[in-house]
Amino acid sequence: MEADCAESKKDFKHKIGISKKESKETTYWLRMSARTNAEKIEECRKLWQEAHELTLIFSSIINRTNIS
């Protein structure tokens, strides 16, 4: 939602970059959670995959945005 209301292409790219960082951080914490909660490993793996896919999507958006 935040990126959709960006004031410029540069602002859009910046906000997508923040989303990418947040999704990467989420994958880290899900990995740590899976290591400490054996009974939740499968759930963490599914959520990790979704967060990883979002990271790839955000990366693609950033790469396709023609702003330095």
N, C-alpha and C. Protein backbone atom coordinates (compact mmCIF):
# COMPACT_ATOMS: atom_id res chain seq x y z
N MET A 1 0.84 -1.19 0.00
CA MET A 1 0.00 0.00 0.00
C MET A 1 0.88 1.25 0.00
N GLU A 2 1.93 1.20 0.81
CA GLU A 2 2.81 2.36 0.93
C GLU A 2 3.45 2.70 -0.42
N ALA A 3 3.96 1.69 -1.11
CA ALA A 3 4.63 1.93 -2.39
C ALA A 3 3.64 2.42 -3.45
N ASP A 4 2.40 1.95 -3.40
CA ASP A 4 1.40 2.41 -4.36
C ASP A 4 1.13 3.90 -4.26
N CYS A 5 1.36 4.46 -3.08
CA CYS A 5 1.12 5.88 -2.86
C CYS A 5 2.42 6.69 -2.91
N ALA A 6 3.43 6.13 -3.51
CA ALA A 6 4.72 6.81 -3.58
C ALA A 6 4.58 8.12 -4.35
N GLU A 7 5.39 9.09 -3.96
CA GLU A 7 5.33 10.41 -4.57
C GLU A 7 6.14 10.51 -5.86
N SER A 8 7.03 9.56 -6.08
CA SER A 8 7.84 9.54 -7.29
C SER A 8 8.34 8.13 -7.53
N LYS A 9 8.96 7.90 -8.69
CA LYS A 9 9.52 6.58 -8.97
C LYS A 9 10.65 6.26 -8.00
N LYS A 10 11.43 7.27 -7.66
CA LYS A 10 12.53 7.06 -6.71
C LYS A 10 11.97 6.66 -5.34
N ASP A 11 10.90 7.31 -4.91
CA ASP A 11 10.25 6.99 -3.64
C ASP A 11 9.66 5.58 -3.70
N PHE A 12 9.07 5.22 -4.83
CA PHE A 12 8.52 3.87 -5.02
C PHE A 12 9.61 2.83 -4.85
N LYS A 13 10.74 3.03 -5.54
CA LYS A 13 11.84 2.08 -5.46
C LYS A 13 12.37 1.97 -4.03
N HIS A 14 12.45 3.09 -3.34
CA HIS A 14 12.90 3.09 -1.95
C HIS A 14 11.96 2.27 -1.06
N LYS A 15 10.68 2.46 -1.23
CA LYS A 15 9.70 1.74 -0.41
C LYS A 15 9.66 0.25 -0.72
N ILE A 16 9.85 -0.11 -1.96
CA ILE A 16 9.96 -1.53 -2.32
C ILE A 16 11.23 -2.11 -1.71
N GLY A 17 12.31 -1.31 -1.68
CA GLY A 17 13.55 -1.75 -1.05
C GLY A 17 13.37 -2.04 0.43
N ILE A 18 12.60 -1.23 1.09
CA ILE A 18 12.30 -1.47 2.51
C ILE A 18 11.52 -2.77 2.66
N SER A 19 10.57 -2.99 1.79
CA SER A 19 9.79 -4.24 1.83
C SER A 19 10.69 -5.45 1.62
N LYS A 20 11.64 -5.32 0.72
CA LYS A 20 12.59 -6.41 0.47
C LYS A 20 13.42 -6.71 1.72
N LYS A 21 13.91 -5.66 2.37
CA LYS A 21 14.69 -5.86 3.60
C LYS A 21 13.86 -6.52 4.68
N GLU A 22 12.62 -6.12 4.79
CA GLU A 22 11.73 -6.71 5.80
C GLU A 22 11.46 -8.19 5.51
N SER A 23 11.27 -8.53 4.26
CA SER A 23 11.02 -9.94 3.94
C SER A 23 12.27 -10.78 4.17
N LYS A 24 13.45 -10.22 3.90
CA LYS A 24 14.69 -10.95 4.18
C LYS A 24 14.86 -11.14 5.69
N GLU A 25 14.54 -10.13 6.47
CA GLU A 25 14.62 -10.25 7.93
C GLU A 25 13.64 -11.31 8.43
N THR A 26 12.47 -11.37 7.82
CA THR A 26 11.48 -12.37 8.19
C THR A 26 12.01 -13.78 7.95
N THR A 27 12.69 -13.99 6.81
CA THR A 27 13.26 -15.32 6.56
C THR A 27 14.29 -15.68 7.63
N TYR A 28 15.07 -14.70 8.06
CA TYR A 28 16.05 -14.96 9.12
C TYR A 28 15.37 -15.42 10.40
N TRP A 29 14.35 -14.68 10.83
CA TRP A 29 13.68 -15.01 12.09
C TRP A 29 12.91 -16.32 12.00
N LEU A 30 12.37 -16.62 10.84
CA LEU A 30 11.70 -17.92 10.67
C LEU A 30 12.70 -19.06 10.75
N ARG A 31 13.89 -18.86 10.19
CA ARG A 31 14.92 -19.88 10.30
C ARG A 31 15.33 -20.09 11.76
N MET A 32 15.50 -19.00 12.50
CA MET A 32 15.86 -19.10 13.92
C MET A 32 14.73 -19.77 14.71
N SER A 33 13.50 -19.43 14.38
CA SER A 33 12.36 -20.02 15.07
C SER A 33 12.28 -21.52 14.82
N ALA A 34 12.53 -21.93 13.58
CA ALA A 34 12.50 -23.36 13.25
C ALA A 34 13.58 -24.12 14.01
N ARG A 35 14.73 -23.49 14.21
CA ARG A 35 15.83 -24.16 14.92
C ARG A 35 15.54 -24.33 16.41
N THR A 36 14.73 -23.45 16.96
CA THR A 36 14.46 -23.51 18.39
C THR A 36 13.12 -24.15 18.74
N ASN A 37 12.26 -24.36 17.75
CA ASN A 37 10.94 -24.96 17.98
C ASN A 37 10.74 -26.14 17.04
N ALA A 38 11.23 -27.28 17.43
CA ALA A 38 11.19 -28.46 16.57
C ALA A 38 9.77 -28.81 16.13
N GLU A 39 8.80 -28.57 16.98
CA GLU A 39 7.42 -28.92 16.64
C GLU A 39 6.82 -27.97 15.59
N LYS A 40 7.46 -26.86 15.33
CA LYS A 40 6.95 -25.87 14.37
C LYS A 40 7.77 -25.81 13.08
N ILE A 41 8.68 -26.75 12.88
CA ILE A 41 9.58 -26.70 11.72
C ILE A 41 8.81 -26.63 10.40
N GLU A 42 7.83 -27.47 10.22
CA GLU A 42 7.10 -27.51 8.94
C GLU A 42 6.36 -26.21 8.68
N GLU A 43 5.72 -25.66 9.69
CA GLU A 43 5.03 -24.38 9.55
C GLU A 43 6.01 -23.27 9.21
N CYS A 44 7.16 -23.27 9.89
CA CYS A 44 8.18 -22.26 9.61
C CYS A 44 8.72 -22.39 8.19
N ARG A 45 8.88 -23.60 7.71
CA ARG A 45 9.37 -23.81 6.34
C ARG A 45 8.40 -23.23 5.31
N LYS A 46 7.12 -23.45 5.51
CA LYS A 46 6.13 -22.92 4.59
C LYS A 46 6.14 -21.39 4.59
N LEU A 47 6.18 -20.82 5.78
CA LEU A 47 6.22 -19.36 5.89
C LEU A 47 7.52 -18.80 5.34
N TRP A 48 8.64 -19.51 5.58
CA TRP A 48 9.93 -19.08 5.05
C TRP A 48 9.88 -19.04 3.52
N GLN A 49 9.28 -20.06 2.91
CA GLN A 49 9.18 -20.11 1.45
C GLN A 49 8.40 -18.92 0.92
N GLU A 50 7.30 -18.58 1.58
CA GLU A 50 6.51 -17.43 1.15
C GLU A 50 7.29 -16.13 1.28
N ALA A 51 7.98 -15.96 2.40
CA ALA A 51 8.80 -14.75 2.59
C ALA A 51 9.92 -14.69 1.56
N HIS A 52 10.52 -15.82 1.26
CA HIS A 52 11.59 -15.87 0.26
C HIS A 52 11.04 -15.49 -1.12
N GLU A 53 9.87 -15.99 -1.47
CA GLU A 53 9.25 -15.63 -2.74
C GLU A 53 8.96 -14.14 -2.81
N LEU A 54 8.52 -13.56 -1.71
CA LEU A 54 8.30 -12.11 -1.68
C LEU A 54 9.61 -11.35 -1.89
N THR A 55 10.68 -11.83 -1.28
CA THR A 55 11.99 -11.20 -1.47
C THR A 55 12.36 -11.21 -2.95
N LEU A 56 12.14 -12.33 -3.62
CA LEU A 56 12.45 -12.43 -5.05
C LEU A 56 11.57 -11.49 -5.88
N ILE A 57 10.31 -11.38 -5.51
CA ILE A 57 9.40 -10.48 -6.21
C ILE A 57 9.85 -9.03 -6.04
N PHE A 58 10.17 -8.65 -4.81
CA PHE A 58 10.63 -7.27 -4.56
C PHE A 58 11.93 -6.99 -5.30
N SER A 59 12.83 -7.97 -5.35
CA SER A 59 14.08 -7.80 -6.10
C SER A 59 13.81 -7.56 -7.58
N SER A 60 12.88 -8.31 -8.12
CA SER A 60 12.53 -8.16 -9.52
C SER A 60 11.94 -6.77 -9.79
N ILE A 61 11.08 -6.31 -8.91
CA ILE A 61 10.50 -4.98 -9.07
C ILE A 61 11.59 -3.91 -9.04
N ILE A 62 12.51 -4.04 -8.11
CA ILE A 62 13.60 -3.06 -8.00
C ILE A 62 14.44 -3.07 -9.27
N ASN A 63 14.76 -4.26 -9.76
CA ASN A 63 15.59 -4.36 -10.96
C ASN A 63 14.90 -3.81 -12.20
N ARG A 64 13.58 -3.86 -12.23
CA ARG A 64 12.83 -3.36 -13.39
C ARG A 64 12.48 -1.88 -13.30
N THR A 65 12.71 -1.29 -12.14
CA THR A 65 12.43 0.14 -11.96
C THR A 65 13.63 0.91 -12.51
N ASN A 66 13.40 1.73 -13.50
CA ASN A 66 14.48 2.43 -14.19
C ASN A 66 14.90 3.71 -13.48
N ILE A 67 15.25 3.59 -12.22
CA ILE A 67 15.72 4.72 -11.43
C ILE A 67 16.97 4.27 -10.69
N SER A 68 17.98 5.08 -10.66
CA SER A 68 19.23 4.71 -9.96
C SER A 68 19.10 4.83 -8.47
